[in-house]
C-alpha atoms as a PDB file:
ATOM      1  CA  MET A   1     -10.438 -28.886  60.586  1.00  0.00           C
ATOM      2  CA  PRO A   2      -8.905 -27.992  56.919  1.00  0.00           C
ATOM      3  CA  VAL A   3     -10.841 -25.737  54.950  1.00  0.00           C
ATOM      4  CA  PHE A   4     -11.450 -26.261  51.120  1.00  0.00           C
ATOM      5  CA  CYS A   5     -12.352 -24.256  48.494  1.00  0.00           C
ATOM      6  CA  LEU A   6     -14.298 -26.046  45.346  1.00  0.00           C
ATOM      7  CA  HIS A   7     -14.189 -24.095  42.080  1.00  0.00           C
ATOM      8  CA  ILE A   8     -16.968 -24.583  39.587  1.00  0.00           C
ATOM      9  CA  TYR A   9     -15.852 -24.351  35.867  1.00  0.00           C
ATOM     10  CA  HIS A  10     -19.208 -24.716  33.947  1.00  0.00           C
ATOM     11  CA  ARG A  11     -19.677 -24.169  30.255  1.00  0.00           C
ATOM     12  CA  ASP A  12     -18.153 -20.786  29.873  1.00  0.00           C
ATOM     13  CA  MET A  13     -18.560 -19.723  33.371  1.00  0.00           C
ATOM     14  CA  SER A  14     -15.989 -20.044  36.624  1.00  0.00           C
ATOM     15  CA  ALA A  15     -17.070 -19.315  39.978  1.00  0.00           C
ATOM     16  CA  ARG A  16     -13.990 -19.548  42.520  1.00  0.00           C
ATOM     17  CA  ASP A  17     -14.744 -20.293  46.230  1.00  0.00           C
ATOM     18  CA  GLU A  18     -12.740 -17.740  47.984  1.00  0.00           C
ATOM     19  CA  GLU A  19     -14.153 -19.034  51.647  1.00  0.00           C
ATOM     20  CA  GLY A  20     -13.888 -22.234  51.421  1.00  0.00           C
ATOM     21  CA  LEU A  21     -15.351 -24.862  53.734  1.00  0.00           C
ATOM     22  CA  GLU A  22     -14.493 -26.357  56.751  1.00  0.00           C
ATOM     23  CA  LEU A  23     -14.541 -30.329  56.029  1.00  0.00           C
ATOM     24  CA  ALA A  24     -12.950 -33.381  57.343  1.00  0.00           C
ATOM     25  CA  SER A  25     -10.993 -34.454  55.098  1.00  0.00           C
ATOM     26  CA  LEU A  26     -10.637 -34.489  51.121  1.00  0.00           C
ATOM     27  CA  GLU A  27     -13.018 -37.446  50.674  1.00  0.00           C
ATOM     28  CA  ALA A  28     -15.637 -35.101  52.549  1.00  0.00           C
ATOM     29  CA  ALA A  29     -14.801 -32.359  49.760  1.00  0.00           C
ATOM     30  CA  ARG A  30     -15.148 -34.456  46.858  1.00  0.00           C
ATOM     31  CA  ASN A  31     -18.677 -35.437  48.380  1.00  0.00           C
ATOM     32  CA  GLU A  32     -19.522 -31.681  48.254  1.00  0.00           C
ATOM     33  CA  ALA A  33     -18.363 -31.260  45.031  1.00  0.00           C
ATOM     34  CA  ILE A  34     -20.219 -34.207  43.506  1.00  0.00           C
ATOM     35  CA  ALA A  35     -23.221 -32.901  45.145  1.00  0.00           C
ATOM     36  CA  GLY A  36     -22.708 -29.713  44.052  1.00  0.00           C
ATOM     37  CA  ALA A  37     -22.301 -30.881  40.058  1.00  0.00           C
ATOM     38  CA  ARG A  38     -25.226 -32.740  40.381  1.00  0.00           C
ATOM     39  CA  GLY A  39     -27.287 -29.858  41.624  1.00  0.00           C
ATOM     40  CA  ILE A  40     -26.032 -27.937  38.625  1.00  0.00           C
ATOM     41  CA  MET A  41     -27.078 -30.710  36.275  1.00  0.00           C
ATOM     42  CA  ARG A  42     -30.755 -31.014  37.895  1.00  0.00           C
ATOM     43  CA  ASP A  43     -30.935 -26.972  37.137  1.00  0.00           C
ATOM     44  CA  ASP A  44     -29.467 -27.368  33.781  1.00  0.00           C
ATOM     45  CA  LEU A  45     -31.568 -30.551  32.943  1.00  0.00           C
ATOM     46  CA  ARG A  46     -34.879 -28.423  33.907  1.00  0.00           C
ATOM     47  CA  ASN A  47     -33.706 -25.943  30.870  1.00  0.00           C
ATOM     48  CA  GLY A  48     -33.212 -29.094  28.620  1.00  0.00           C
ATOM     49  CA  ARG A  49     -29.413 -29.094  28.572  1.00  0.00           C
ATOM     50  CA  LEU A  50     -26.588 -31.107  30.367  1.00  0.00           C
ATOM     51  CA  SER A  51     -22.628 -30.282  30.492  1.00  0.00           C
ATOM     52  CA  LEU A  52     -20.920 -33.169  31.094  1.00  0.00           C
ATOM     53  CA  GLY A  53     -17.770 -31.344  30.101  1.00  0.00           C
ATOM     54  CA  SER A  54     -17.839 -28.683  33.190  1.00  0.00           C
ATOM     55  CA  ARG A  55     -15.799 -29.642  36.442  1.00  0.00           C
ATOM     56  CA  ILE A  56     -14.849 -28.527  40.071  1.00  0.00           C
ATOM     57  CA  GLU A  57     -11.580 -27.978  41.379  1.00  0.00           C
ATOM     58  CA  ILE A  58     -10.835 -28.980  45.003  1.00  0.00           C
ATOM     59  CA  GLU A  59      -8.297 -26.641  46.131  1.00  0.00           C
ATOM     60  CA  ASP A  60      -6.552 -26.198  49.643  1.00  0.00           C
ATOM     61  CA  SER A  61      -5.957 -22.850  51.710  1.00  0.00           C
ATOM     62  CA  SER A  62      -2.668 -22.654  50.342  1.00  0.00           C
ATOM     63  CA  GLY A  63      -3.900 -22.600  46.323  1.00  0.00           C
ATOM     64  CA  ARG A  64      -3.160 -25.893  45.730  1.00  0.00           C
ATOM     65  CA  VAL A  65      -5.200 -27.878  43.592  1.00  0.00           C
ATOM     66  CA  LEU A  66      -5.997 -31.282  45.285  1.00  0.00           C
ATOM     67  CA  ALA A  67      -8.324 -32.863  43.019  1.00  0.00           C
ATOM     68  CA  THR A  68     -10.718 -32.232  39.710  1.00  0.00           C
ATOM     69  CA  VAL A  69     -14.558 -33.637  39.886  1.00  0.00           C
ATOM     70  CA  PRO A  70     -15.644 -33.891  36.480  1.00  0.00           C
ATOM     71  CA  PHE A  71     -19.469 -33.710  36.147  1.00  0.00           C
ATOM     72  CA  ARG A  72     -19.379 -36.871  34.137  1.00  0.00           C
ATOM     73  CA  GLU A  73     -17.843 -38.562  37.217  1.00  0.00           C
ATOM     74  CA  ALA A  74     -20.941 -37.186  39.129  1.00  0.00           C
ATOM     75  CA  ILE A  75     -23.507 -39.755  37.611  1.00  0.00           C
ATOM     76  CA  THR A  76     -23.888 -43.177  36.243  1.00  0.00           C
ATOM     77  CA  VAL A  77     -25.335 -43.168  32.634  1.00  0.00           C
ATOM     78  CA  SER A  78     -27.561 -46.343  31.994  1.00  0.00           C
ATOM     79  CA  SER A  79     -29.813 -47.031  28.585  1.00  0.00           C
END
């Protein structure tokens, strides 16, 4: 199974995933990134803030960025 690294860029902090995750596909990695973004936003909302400008980059084992998941794409905002 391929290994994907999910690097988080949130406000003024970045966290590089040095180990990665074995996932079946890029789509599975994207789903994992969306779940991670939602978890971070959930924690932020508990503190009364929300940063939609953050992102998670999905990288393959050779270091190539395959996709970027902006936090704003992990949720649907309605009025």
